[in-house]
């Protein structure tokens, strides 16, 4: 069903930037001393790579100024900093003016789990999706990252591009990847599982397999674009199944699941159950998958929610 990715999403992004920069003079790469571009040879575009150091707020302001002058800045920082210390500049300088700045936010969720809770980014979707004009993207694997980046870099407004730290398994083949359009990876008429982010999508797929053993047919949606949300596809599957379970690497409040619930409950009477990290700081350091299992963002949790909602108590 899945394979092991050779490159992480942030490495895919890095390689695409290195390939595109020489051929497009509008592109400017602004870095915050992340180390992501260490050793990269930009060739004739080397002057359009600028490392501003650990000054995320300043970097967002500089990006806004460049965008105002006709450039397309690509801003690189960790998600925990983009959605916290730099968010004032993102809001006022970038989003308020609708400027075409792409914020590549790496180490999202608990993918920097080894660094502890100061470097977890479990609020960024909530923060960024509330900003007017902002597009919010969270690719599920390396191939999706490449496809969505090529589309996002030519959009007219600001983009928050959520990336992890290490390689994650490849997702199975699905429909063509389109910004703003959910991918339907599985089709079933008993429950809809909508997932955002690499490990949540993998958990959704595994849960669908486990549920299928008991005759529970689950659809699985890979919702890589959190804003604008593909409400039409979500609503169609919600109407067909009558039950939606969301899965995400984010706190439950304000994140992807909240966006789905907000959108669907305005359209129909629907049950939306959210599998996400609980309302607490992750108090330990550790591997990303370990922290997600510890927090209950797992296929087993999805199965339990589905079986409970459907009134199925027998053991799977």
C-alpha atoms as a PDB file:
ATOM      1  CA  UNK A   1       0.000   0.000   0.000  1.00  0.00           C
ATOM      2  CA  UNK A   2       2.768   2.439   0.839  1.00  0.00           C
ATOM      3  CA  UNK A   3       6.480   2.778   0.302  1.00  0.00           C
ATOM      4  CA  UNK A   4       9.290   4.533   2.091  1.00  0.00           C
ATOM      5  CA  UNK A   5      10.170   7.991   0.845  1.00  0.00           C
ATOM      6  CA  UNK A   6      13.826   8.669   0.092  1.00  0.00           C
ATOM      7  CA  UNK A   7      13.453  12.423   0.608  1.00  0.00           C
ATOM      8  CA  UNK A   8      11.504  14.341   3.195  1.00  0.00           C
ATOM      9  CA  UNK A   9       8.942  16.927   2.082  1.00  0.00           C
ATOM     10  CA  UNK A  10      11.302  19.731   3.081  1.00  0.00           C
ATOM     11  CA  UNK A  11      14.108  18.203   0.983  1.00  0.00           C
ATOM     12  CA  UNK A  12      11.740  17.933  -1.988  1.00  0.00           C
ATOM     13  CA  UNK A  13      10.889  21.596  -1.491  1.00  0.00           C
ATOM     14  CA  UNK A  14      14.607  22.512  -1.247  1.00  0.00           C
ATOM     15  CA  UNK A  15      15.436  20.733  -4.499  1.00  0.00           C
ATOM     16  CA  UNK A  16      12.538  22.365  -6.324  1.00  0.00           C
ATOM     17  CA  UNK A  17      13.602  25.815  -5.144  1.00  0.00           C
ATOM     18  CA  UNK A  18      17.170  25.146  -6.299  1.00  0.00           C
ATOM     19  CA  UNK A  19      15.855  24.048  -9.705  1.00  0.00           C
ATOM     20  CA  UNK A  20      13.373  26.889 -10.205  1.00  0.00           C
ATOM     21  CA  UNK A  21      15.318  29.873  -8.890  1.00  0.00           C
ATOM     22  CA  UNK A  22      17.778  30.241 -11.816  1.00  0.00           C
ATOM     23  CA  UNK A  23      14.982  30.273 -14.374  1.00  0.00           C
ATOM     24  CA  UNK A  24      12.619  32.739 -12.708  1.00  0.00           C
ATOM     25  CA  UNK A  25      14.028  36.109 -11.716  1.00  0.00           C
ATOM     26  CA  UNK A  26      10.895  36.903  -9.685  1.00  0.00           C
ATOM     27  CA  UNK A  27      11.761  34.195  -7.154  1.00  0.00           C
ATOM     28  CA  UNK A  28      13.761  35.161  -4.068  1.00  0.00           C
ATOM     29  CA  UNK A  29      14.624  32.644  -1.354  1.00  0.00           C
ATOM     30  CA  UNK A  30      14.780  34.067   2.183  1.00  0.00           C
ATOM     31  CA  UNK A  31      16.180  31.791   4.879  1.00  0.00           C
ATOM     32  CA  UNK A  32      16.316  32.052   8.670  1.00  0.00           C
ATOM     33  CA  UNK A  33      19.512  30.095   9.227  1.00  0.00           C
ATOM     34  CA  UNK A  34      17.642  26.791   8.961  1.00  0.00           C
ATOM     35  CA  UNK A  35      20.536  24.926   7.354  1.00  0.00           C
ATOM     36  CA  UNK A  36      18.144  23.516   4.746  1.00  0.00           C
ATOM     37  CA  UNK A  37      20.067  25.061   1.861  1.00  0.00           C
ATOM     38  CA  UNK A  38      23.561  24.304   3.134  1.00  0.00           C
ATOM     39  CA  UNK A  39      25.727  23.262   0.189  1.00  0.00           C
ATOM     40  CA  UNK A  40      23.112  24.127  -2.444  1.00  0.00           C
ATOM     41  CA  UNK A  41      24.559  25.782  -5.539  1.00  0.00           C
ATOM     42  CA  UNK A  42      22.058  28.264  -6.948  1.00  0.00           C
ATOM     43  CA  UNK A  43      24.394  29.105  -9.829  1.00  0.00           C
ATOM     44  CA  UNK A  44      23.508  32.419 -11.475  1.00  0.00           C
ATOM     45  CA  UNK A  45      20.671  32.883  -8.939  1.00  0.00           C
ATOM     46  CA  UNK A  46      22.978  32.816  -5.899  1.00  0.00           C
ATOM     47  CA  UNK A  47      22.309  36.497  -5.208  1.00  0.00           C
ATOM     48  CA  UNK A  48      18.612  35.718  -4.803  1.00  0.00           C
ATOM     49  CA  UNK A  49      19.245  33.426  -1.852  1.00  0.00           C
ATOM     50  CA  UNK A  50      19.481  35.537   1.304  1.00  0.00           C
ATOM     51  CA  UNK A  51      20.049  34.159   4.803  1.00  0.00           C
ATOM     52  CA  UNK A  52      18.721  36.743   7.251  1.00  0.00           C
ATOM     53  CA  UNK A  53      19.650  34.694  10.301  1.00  0.00           C
ATOM     54  CA  UNK A  54      17.378  33.849  13.213  1.00  0.00           C
ATOM     55  CA  UNK A  55      15.128  36.874  12.666  1.00  0.00           C
ATOM     56  CA  UNK A  56      11.808  35.433  11.561  1.00  0.00           C
ATOM     57  CA  UNK A  57       9.713  38.554  12.159  1.00  0.00           C
ATOM     58  CA  UNK A  58      12.166  40.701  10.196  1.00  0.00           C
ATOM     59  CA  UNK A  59      12.252  38.107   7.417  1.00  0.00           C
ATOM     60  CA  UNK A  60       8.460  38.260   6.974  1.00  0.00           C
ATOM     61  CA  UNK A  61       8.640  42.057   6.686  1.00  0.00           C
ATOM     62  CA  UNK A  62      11.442  41.822   4.146  1.00  0.00           C
ATOM     63  CA  UNK A  63       9.431  39.274   2.162  1.00  0.00           C
ATOM     64  CA  UNK A  64       6.450  41.617   2.105  1.00  0.00           C
ATOM     65  CA  UNK A  65       8.611  44.463   0.792  1.00  0.00           C
ATOM     66  CA  UNK A  66      10.055  42.284  -1.949  1.00  0.00           C
ATOM     67  CA  UNK A  67       6.604  41.039  -2.933  1.00  0.00           C
ATOM     68  CA  UNK A  68       5.336  44.608  -3.099  1.00  0.00           C
ATOM     69  CA  UNK A  69       8.087  45.322  -5.631  1.00  0.00           C
ATOM     70  CA  UNK A  70       7.084  42.451  -7.888  1.00  0.00           C
ATOM     71  CA  UNK A  71       9.145  39.579  -6.510  1.00  0.00           C
ATOM     72  CA  UNK A  72       7.829  36.188  -5.370  1.00  0.00           C
ATOM     73  CA  UNK A  73       9.562  35.499  -2.017  1.00  0.00           C
ATOM     74  CA  UNK A  74       9.942  31.972  -0.685  1.00  0.00           C
ATOM     75  CA  UNK A  75      10.376  32.212   3.080  1.00  0.00           C
ATOM     76  CA  UNK A  76      11.956  29.340   5.000  1.00  0.00           C
ATOM     77  CA  UNK A  77      11.561  28.818   8.735  1.00  0.00           C
ATOM     78  CA  UNK A  78      10.284  26.327  11.270  1.00  0.00           C
ATOM     79  CA  UNK A  79       6.505  26.115  11.660  1.00  0.00           C
ATOM     80  CA  UNK A  80       6.716  26.792  15.396  1.00  0.00           C
ATOM     81  CA  UNK A  81       8.262  30.188  14.654  1.00  0.00           C
ATOM     82  CA  UNK A  82       6.200  31.093  11.580  1.00  0.00           C
ATOM     83  CA  UNK A  83       2.966  30.689  13.532  1.00  0.00           C
ATOM     84  CA  UNK A  84       4.127  32.336  16.740  1.00  0.00           C
ATOM     85  CA  UNK A  85       6.943  34.889  16.914  1.00  0.00           C
ATOM     86  CA  UNK A  86       6.549  35.990  13.293  1.00  0.00           C
ATOM     87  CA  UNK A  87       2.772  35.911  13.018  1.00  0.00           C
ATOM     88  CA  UNK A  88       2.278  39.654  13.570  1.00  0.00           C
ATOM     89  CA  UNK A  89       4.304  40.395  10.447  1.00  0.00           C
ATOM     90  CA  UNK A  90       2.554  37.579   8.564  1.00  0.00           C
ATOM     91  CA  UNK A  91      -0.815  39.102   9.475  1.00  0.00           C
ATOM     92  CA  UNK A  92      -0.105  42.801   8.963  1.00  0.00           C
ATOM     93  CA  UNK A  93       2.600  42.885   6.291  1.00  0.00           C
ATOM     94  CA  UNK A  94       1.716  39.843   4.179  1.00  0.00           C
ATOM     95  CA  UNK A  95      -1.897  38.695   4.621  1.00  0.00           C
ATOM     96  CA  UNK A  96      -3.461  42.140   5.058  1.00  0.00           C
ATOM     97  CA  UNK A  97      -1.943  43.203   1.742  1.00  0.00           C
ATOM     98  CA  UNK A  98      -2.637  39.896  -0.020  1.00  0.00           C
ATOM     99  CA  UNK A  99       0.995  39.646  -1.100  1.00  0.00           C
ATOM    100  CA  UNK A 100       2.352  36.610  -2.975  1.00  0.00           C
ATOM    101  CA  UNK A 101       4.695  35.268  -0.284  1.00  0.00           C
ATOM    102  CA  UNK A 102       5.095  31.517   0.140  1.00  0.00           C
ATOM    103  CA  UNK A 103       5.957  30.570   3.721  1.00  0.00           C
ATOM    104  CA  UNK A 104       7.643  27.166   3.757  1.00  0.00           C
ATOM    105  CA  UNK A 105       7.157  26.059   7.369  1.00  0.00           C
ATOM    106  CA  UNK A 106       9.232  22.990   8.185  1.00  0.00           C
ATOM    107  CA  UNK A 107       9.285  20.769  11.319  1.00  0.00           C
ATOM    108  CA  UNK A 108       5.504  21.033  11.599  1.00  0.00           C
ATOM    109  CA  UNK A 109       3.368  19.140  14.097  1.00  0.00           C
ATOM    110  CA  UNK A 110       5.596  17.019  16.301  1.00  0.00           C
ATOM    111  CA  UNK A 111       8.094  16.214  13.562  1.00  0.00           C
ATOM    112  CA  UNK A 112      10.683  18.127  15.638  1.00  0.00           C
ATOM    113  CA  UNK A 113       9.656  16.039  18.618  1.00  0.00           C
ATOM    114  CA  UNK A 114      13.240  15.405  19.621  1.00  0.00           C
ATOM    115  CA  UNK A 115      13.577  19.129  20.431  1.00  0.00           C
ATOM    116  CA  UNK A 116      10.700  19.167  22.894  1.00  0.00           C
ATOM    117  CA  UNK A 117       7.467  21.188  23.148  1.00  0.00           C
ATOM    118  CA  UNK A 118       9.046  24.569  22.394  1.00  0.00           C
ATOM    119  CA  UNK A 119       9.584  23.353  18.831  1.00  0.00           C
ATOM    120  CA  UNK A 120       6.259  21.562  18.319  1.00  0.00           C
ATOM    121  CA  UNK A 121       3.868  23.321  15.936  1.00  0.00           C
ATOM    122  CA  UNK A 122       0.370  22.207  16.921  1.00  0.00           C
ATOM    123  CA  UNK A 123      -1.369  25.560  16.546  1.00  0.00           C
ATOM    124  CA  UNK A 124      -0.194  26.669  13.105  1.00  0.00           C
ATOM    125  CA  UNK A 125      -3.189  25.505  11.059  1.00  0.00           C
ATOM    126  CA  UNK A 126      -5.528  27.262  13.464  1.00  0.00           C
ATOM    127  CA  UNK A 127      -3.509  30.467  13.278  1.00  0.00           C
ATOM    128  CA  UNK A 128      -2.929  30.560   9.545  1.00  0.00           C
ATOM    129  CA  UNK A 129      -6.371  29.521   8.335  1.00  0.00           C
ATOM    130  CA  UNK A 130      -7.988  32.400  10.200  1.00  0.00           C
ATOM    131  CA  UNK A 131      -5.965  34.987   8.266  1.00  0.00           C
ATOM    132  CA  UNK A 132      -7.855  36.492   5.314  1.00  0.00           C
ATOM    133  CA  UNK A 133      -6.241  35.928   1.882  1.00  0.00           C
ATOM    134  CA  UNK A 134      -4.083  33.043   3.190  1.00  0.00           C
ATOM    135  CA  UNK A 135      -3.939  29.685   1.398  1.00  0.00           C
ATOM    136  CA  UNK A 136      -2.981  26.831   3.751  1.00  0.00           C
ATOM    137  CA  UNK A 137      -1.437  23.638   2.371  1.00  0.00           C
ATOM    138  CA  UNK A 138      -0.265  20.476   4.180  1.00  0.00           C
ATOM    139  CA  UNK A 139       1.008  17.867   1.681  1.00  0.00           C
ATOM    140  CA  UNK A 140       0.765  14.190   2.614  1.00  0.00           C
ATOM    141  CA  UNK A 141       3.980  12.900   1.045  1.00  0.00           C
ATOM    142  CA  UNK A 142       6.936  13.828  -1.140  1.00  0.00           C
ATOM    143  CA  UNK A 143       5.134  13.523  -4.487  1.00  0.00           C
ATOM    144  CA  UNK A 144       2.217  15.623  -3.259  1.00  0.00           C
ATOM    145  CA  UNK A 145       4.661  18.220  -1.962  1.00  0.00           C
ATOM    146  CA  UNK A 146       6.236  18.580  -5.392  1.00  0.00           C
ATOM    147  CA  UNK A 147       2.913  18.864  -7.212  1.00  0.00           C
ATOM    148  CA  UNK A 148       1.389  21.322  -4.766  1.00  0.00           C
ATOM    149  CA  UNK A 149       4.483  23.507  -4.546  1.00  0.00           C
ATOM    150  CA  UNK A 150       4.536  24.003  -8.308  1.00  0.00           C
ATOM    151  CA  UNK A 151       0.898  25.123  -8.124  1.00  0.00           C
ATOM    152  CA  UNK A 152       1.265  27.209  -4.965  1.00  0.00           C
ATOM    153  CA  UNK A 153       4.253  29.167  -6.219  1.00  0.00           C
ATOM    154  CA  UNK A 154       2.167  30.702  -9.007  1.00  0.00           C
ATOM    155  CA  UNK A 155      -0.896  31.621  -6.921  1.00  0.00           C
ATOM    156  CA  UNK A 156      -1.732  35.293  -6.575  1.00  0.00           C
ATOM    157  CA  UNK A 157      -1.721  35.593  -2.772  1.00  0.00           C
ATOM    158  CA  UNK A 158       0.094  34.376   0.339  1.00  0.00           C
ATOM    159  CA  UNK A 159       0.547  30.664   0.998  1.00  0.00           C
ATOM    160  CA  UNK A 160       1.393  28.785   4.193  1.00  0.00           C
ATOM    161  CA  UNK A 161       3.093  25.571   3.046  1.00  0.00           C
ATOM    162  CA  UNK A 162       3.309  23.082   5.955  1.00  0.00           C
ATOM    163  CA  UNK A 163       6.227  20.643   5.772  1.00  0.00           C
ATOM    164  CA  UNK A 164       7.647  18.012   8.107  1.00  0.00           C
ATOM    165  CA  UNK A 165      11.205  17.214   9.100  1.00  0.00           C
ATOM    166  CA  UNK A 166      12.096  13.637   8.134  1.00  0.00           C
ATOM    167  CA  UNK A 167      11.008  11.322   5.321  1.00  0.00           C
ATOM    168  CA  UNK A 168       7.518   9.832   5.576  1.00  0.00           C
ATOM    169  CA  UNK A 169       6.111   6.872   3.596  1.00  0.00           C
ATOM    170  CA  UNK A 170       4.679   7.493   0.154  1.00  0.00           C
ATOM    171  CA  UNK A 171       0.918   7.434  -0.167  1.00  0.00           C
ATOM    172  CA  UNK A 172      -0.770   5.064  -2.627  1.00  0.00           C
ATOM    173  CA  UNK A 173      -1.615   6.441  -6.076  1.00  0.00           C
ATOM    174  CA  UNK A 174      -4.708   8.597  -6.247  1.00  0.00           C
ATOM    175  CA  UNK A 175      -6.374  11.194  -8.461  1.00  0.00           C
ATOM    176  CA  UNK A 176      -4.277  14.015  -9.839  1.00  0.00           C
ATOM    177  CA  UNK A 177      -3.119  16.485  -7.197  1.00  0.00           C
ATOM    178  CA  UNK A 178      -4.881  19.848  -7.433  1.00  0.00           C
ATOM    179  CA  UNK A 179      -4.544  22.728  -5.017  1.00  0.00           C
ATOM    180  CA  UNK A 180      -7.852  23.176  -3.217  1.00  0.00           C
ATOM    181  CA  UNK A 181      -9.220  19.771  -4.226  1.00  0.00           C
ATOM    182  CA  UNK A 182      -9.285  16.761  -1.872  1.00  0.00           C
ATOM    183  CA  UNK A 183      -8.000  13.429  -3.161  1.00  0.00           C
ATOM    184  CA  UNK A 184     -10.352  10.474  -2.768  1.00  0.00           C
ATOM    185  CA  UNK A 185      -8.039   7.547  -1.940  1.00  0.00           C
ATOM    186  CA  UNK A 186     -10.726   5.033  -0.892  1.00  0.00           C
ATOM    187  CA  UNK A 187     -14.459   4.803  -1.540  1.00  0.00           C
ATOM    188  CA  UNK A 188     -16.930   3.451   1.001  1.00  0.00           C
ATOM    189  CA  UNK A 189     -20.470   4.269   2.063  1.00  0.00           C
ATOM    190  CA  UNK A 190     -20.405   3.682   5.836  1.00  0.00           C
ATOM    191  CA  UNK A 191     -17.976   6.310   7.115  1.00  0.00           C
ATOM    192  CA  UNK A 192     -15.868   9.111   5.662  1.00  0.00           C
ATOM    193  CA  UNK A 193     -12.344   9.507   7.055  1.00  0.00           C
ATOM    194  CA  UNK A 194     -10.831  12.870   6.106  1.00  0.00           C
ATOM    195  CA  UNK A 195      -7.146  13.251   6.946  1.00  0.00           C
ATOM    196  CA  UNK A 196      -4.580  16.027   6.732  1.00  0.00           C
ATOM    197  CA  UNK A 197      -0.810  15.440   6.861  1.00  0.00           C
ATOM    198  CA  UNK A 198       1.421  12.414   6.207  1.00  0.00           C
ATOM    199  CA  UNK A 199       0.908  10.188   9.259  1.00  0.00           C
ATOM    200  CA  UNK A 200      -2.780  11.071   9.688  1.00  0.00           C
ATOM    201  CA  UNK A 201      -3.463  10.005   6.085  1.00  0.00           C
ATOM    202  CA  UNK A 202      -1.552   6.768   6.654  1.00  0.00           C
ATOM    203  CA  UNK A 203      -3.559   6.177   9.837  1.00  0.00           C
ATOM    204  CA  UNK A 204      -6.778   6.782   7.895  1.00  0.00           C
ATOM    205  CA  UNK A 205      -5.798   4.254   5.227  1.00  0.00           C
ATOM    206  CA  UNK A 206      -4.843   1.643   7.819  1.00  0.00           C
ATOM    207  CA  UNK A 207      -8.098   2.257   9.679  1.00  0.00           C
ATOM    208  CA  UNK A 208     -10.049   1.755   6.454  1.00  0.00           C
ATOM    209  CA  UNK A 209      -8.362  -1.637   5.994  1.00  0.00           C
ATOM    210  CA  UNK A 210      -9.144  -2.678   9.574  1.00  0.00           C
ATOM    211  CA  UNK A 211     -12.755  -1.561   9.317  1.00  0.00           C
ATOM    212  CA  UNK A 212     -13.100  -3.372   6.017  1.00  0.00           C
ATOM    213  CA  UNK A 213     -12.372  -6.700   7.715  1.00  0.00           C
ATOM    214  CA  UNK A 214     -15.650  -6.280   9.580  1.00  0.00           C
ATOM    215  CA  UNK A 215     -17.603  -5.170   6.555  1.00  0.00           C
ATOM    216  CA  UNK A 216     -17.475  -1.453   7.407  1.00  0.00           C
ATOM    217  CA  UNK A 217     -16.780   0.400   4.203  1.00  0.00           C
ATOM    218  CA  UNK A 218     -14.751   3.574   4.698  1.00  0.00           C
ATOM    219  CA  UNK A 219     -13.945   6.329   2.262  1.00  0.00           C
ATOM    220  CA  UNK A 220     -10.600   8.071   2.771  1.00  0.00           C
ATOM    221  CA  UNK A 221     -10.012  11.658   1.711  1.00  0.00           C
ATOM    222  CA  UNK A 222      -6.529  13.161   1.595  1.00  0.00           C
ATOM    223  CA  UNK A 223      -7.316  16.814   2.302  1.00  0.00           C
ATOM    224  CA  UNK A 224      -4.011  18.533   1.626  1.00  0.00           C
ATOM    225  CA  UNK A 225      -5.492  22.021   1.250  1.00  0.00           C
ATOM    226  CA  UNK A 226      -6.935  23.273   4.527  1.00  0.00           C
ATOM    227  CA  UNK A 227      -7.833  26.663   3.043  1.00  0.00           C
ATOM    228  CA  UNK A 228      -9.591  26.963   0.698  1.00  0.00           C
ATOM    229  CA  UNK A 229     -11.234  23.791   1.983  1.00  0.00           C
ATOM    230  CA  UNK A 230     -12.814  21.479  -0.584  1.00  0.00           C
ATOM    231  CA  UNK A 231     -16.243  21.691   1.017  1.00  0.00           C
ATOM    232  CA  UNK A 232     -17.997  20.280  -2.059  1.00  0.00           C
ATOM    233  CA  UNK A 233     -16.127  16.960  -1.922  1.00  0.00           C
ATOM    234  CA  UNK A 234     -16.385  16.743   1.855  1.00  0.00           C
ATOM    235  CA  UNK A 235     -20.116  17.473   1.745  1.00  0.00           C
ATOM    236  CA  UNK A 236     -20.732  14.907  -0.987  1.00  0.00           C
ATOM    237  CA  UNK A 237     -19.079  12.125   1.003  1.00  0.00           C
ATOM    238  CA  UNK A 238     -20.597  13.306   4.282  1.00  0.00           C
ATOM    239  CA  UNK A 239     -24.045  13.097   2.691  1.00  0.00           C
ATOM    240  CA  UNK A 240     -23.315   9.619   1.352  1.00  0.00           C
ATOM    241  CA  UNK A 241     -22.044   8.181   4.650  1.00  0.00           C
ATOM    242  CA  UNK A 242     -23.654  10.317   7.362  1.00  0.00           C
ATOM    243  CA  UNK A 243     -20.506  10.127   9.489  1.00  0.00           C
ATOM    244  CA  UNK A 244     -17.179  11.980   9.199  1.00  0.00           C
ATOM    245  CA  UNK A 245     -14.006  11.355  11.177  1.00  0.00           C
ATOM    246  CA  UNK A 246     -11.115  13.785  10.792  1.00  0.00           C
ATOM    247  CA  UNK A 247      -7.479  12.947  11.536  1.00  0.00           C
ATOM    248  CA  UNK A 248      -4.695  15.490  11.952  1.00  0.00           C
ATOM    249  CA  UNK A 249      -1.306  16.220  13.536  1.00  0.00           C
ATOM    250  CA  UNK A 250      -2.507  19.307  15.367  1.00  0.00           C
ATOM    251  CA  UNK A 251      -4.411  20.245  18.481  1.00  0.00           C
ATOM    252  CA  UNK A 252      -8.123  19.563  18.065  1.00  0.00           C
ATOM    253  CA  UNK A 253      -9.129  23.155  18.735  1.00  0.00           C
ATOM    254  CA  UNK A 254      -9.081  25.327  15.647  1.00  0.00           C
ATOM    255  CA  UNK A 255      -7.294  22.926  13.321  1.00  0.00           C
ATOM    256  CA  UNK A 256      -8.278  20.887  10.286  1.00  0.00           C
ATOM    257  CA  UNK A 257     -11.048  18.968  12.042  1.00  0.00           C
ATOM    258  CA  UNK A 258     -12.523  22.200  13.321  1.00  0.00           C
ATOM    259  CA  UNK A 259     -12.499  23.620   9.792  1.00  0.00           C
ATOM    260  CA  UNK A 260     -14.344  20.542   8.501  1.00  0.00           C
ATOM    261  CA  UNK A 261     -16.897  20.671  11.324  1.00  0.00           C
ATOM    262  CA  UNK A 262     -17.509  24.387  10.826  1.00  0.00           C
ATOM    263  CA  UNK A 263     -18.083  23.963   7.113  1.00  0.00           C
ATOM    264  CA  UNK A 264     -20.221  20.831   7.123  1.00  0.00           C
ATOM    265  CA  UNK A 265     -22.487  21.654  10.045  1.00  0.00           C
ATOM    266  CA  UNK A 266     -23.559  24.827   8.260  1.00  0.00           C
ATOM    267  CA  UNK A 267     -24.784  22.683   5.374  1.00  0.00           C
ATOM    268  CA  UNK A 268     -26.309  19.579   6.937  1.00  0.00           C
ATOM    269  CA  UNK A 269     -27.007  17.698  10.151  1.00  0.00           C
ATOM    270  CA  UNK A 270     -23.810  15.634  10.321  1.00  0.00           C
ATOM    271  CA  UNK A 271     -21.682  13.952  12.952  1.00  0.00           C
ATOM    272  CA  UNK A 272     -18.029  14.998  12.828  1.00  0.00           C
ATOM    273  CA  UNK A 273     -15.616  13.203  15.168  1.00  0.00           C
ATOM    274  CA  UNK A 274     -12.065  14.523  15.488  1.00  0.00           C
ATOM    275  CA  UNK A 275      -8.902  12.499  16.067  1.00  0.00           C
ATOM    276  CA  UNK A 276      -6.192  14.980  17.017  1.00  0.00           C
ATOM    277  CA  UNK A 277      -3.762  15.766  19.787  1.00  0.00           C
ATOM    278  CA  UNK A 278      -5.452  16.542  23.108  1.00  0.00           C
ATOM    279  CA  UNK A 279      -5.629  20.005  24.637  1.00  0.00           C
ATOM    280  CA  UNK A 280      -2.264  19.789  26.387  1.00  0.00           C
ATOM    281  CA  UNK A 281       1.368  20.477  25.642  1.00  0.00           C
ATOM    282  CA  UNK A 282       3.323  17.366  24.698  1.00  0.00           C
ATOM    283  CA  UNK A 283       5.513  17.203  27.768  1.00  0.00           C
ATOM    284  CA  UNK A 284       8.160  14.798  26.473  1.00  0.00           C
ATOM    285  CA  UNK A 285      10.676  14.721  23.659  1.00  0.00           C
ATOM    286  CA  UNK A 286      10.655  11.837  21.234  1.00  0.00           C
ATOM    287  CA  UNK A 287      10.288  10.466  17.741  1.00  0.00           C
ATOM    288  CA  UNK A 288       7.377  11.810  15.690  1.00  0.00           C
ATOM    289  CA  UNK A 289       5.587   8.482  15.347  1.00  0.00           C
ATOM    290  CA  UNK A 290       6.066   7.698  19.038  1.00  0.00           C
ATOM    291  CA  UNK A 291       4.561  11.039  20.051  1.00  0.00           C
ATOM    292  CA  UNK A 292       1.595  10.582  17.729  1.00  0.00           C
ATOM    293  CA  UNK A 293       0.921   7.107  19.117  1.00  0.00           C
ATOM    294  CA  UNK A 294       1.248   8.482  22.639  1.00  0.00           C
ATOM    295  CA  UNK A 295      -1.254  11.220  21.832  1.00  0.00           C
ATOM    296  CA  UNK A 296      -3.747   8.805  20.247  1.00  0.00           C
ATOM    297  CA  UNK A 297      -3.425   9.893  16.633  1.00  0.00           C
ATOM    298  CA  UNK A 298      -3.504   6.322  15.340  1.00  0.00           C
ATOM    299  CA  UNK A 299      -5.446   3.975  13.115  1.00  0.00           C
ATOM    300  CA  UNK A 300      -6.763   2.231  16.252  1.00  0.00           C
ATOM    301  CA  UNK A 301      -8.243   5.502  17.496  1.00  0.00           C
ATOM    302  CA  UNK A 302      -9.953   6.081  14.157  1.00  0.00           C
ATOM    303  CA  UNK A 303     -11.386   2.567  14.189  1.00  0.00           C
ATOM    304  CA  UNK A 304     -12.638   2.996  17.739  1.00  0.00           C
ATOM    305  CA  UNK A 305     -14.372   6.281  16.864  1.00  0.00           C
ATOM    306  CA  UNK A 306     -15.970   4.757  13.769  1.00  0.00           C
ATOM    307  CA  UNK A 307     -17.190   1.621  15.532  1.00  0.00           C
ATOM    308  CA  UNK A 308     -18.581   3.579  18.461  1.00  0.00           C
ATOM    309  CA  UNK A 309     -20.405   6.040  16.220  1.00  0.00           C
ATOM    310  CA  UNK A 310     -21.858   3.206  14.138  1.00  0.00           C
ATOM    311  CA  UNK A 311     -22.863   1.216  17.235  1.00  0.00           C
ATOM    312  CA  UNK A 312     -20.537  -1.639  16.399  1.00  0.00           C
ATOM    313  CA  UNK A 313     -19.059  -3.032  19.626  1.00  0.00           C
ATOM    314  CA  UNK A 314     -17.698  -6.383  18.440  1.00  0.00           C
ATOM    315  CA  UNK A 315     -13.925  -6.833  18.509  1.00  0.00           C
ATOM    316  CA  UNK A 316     -11.964  -6.104  15.362  1.00  0.00           C
END
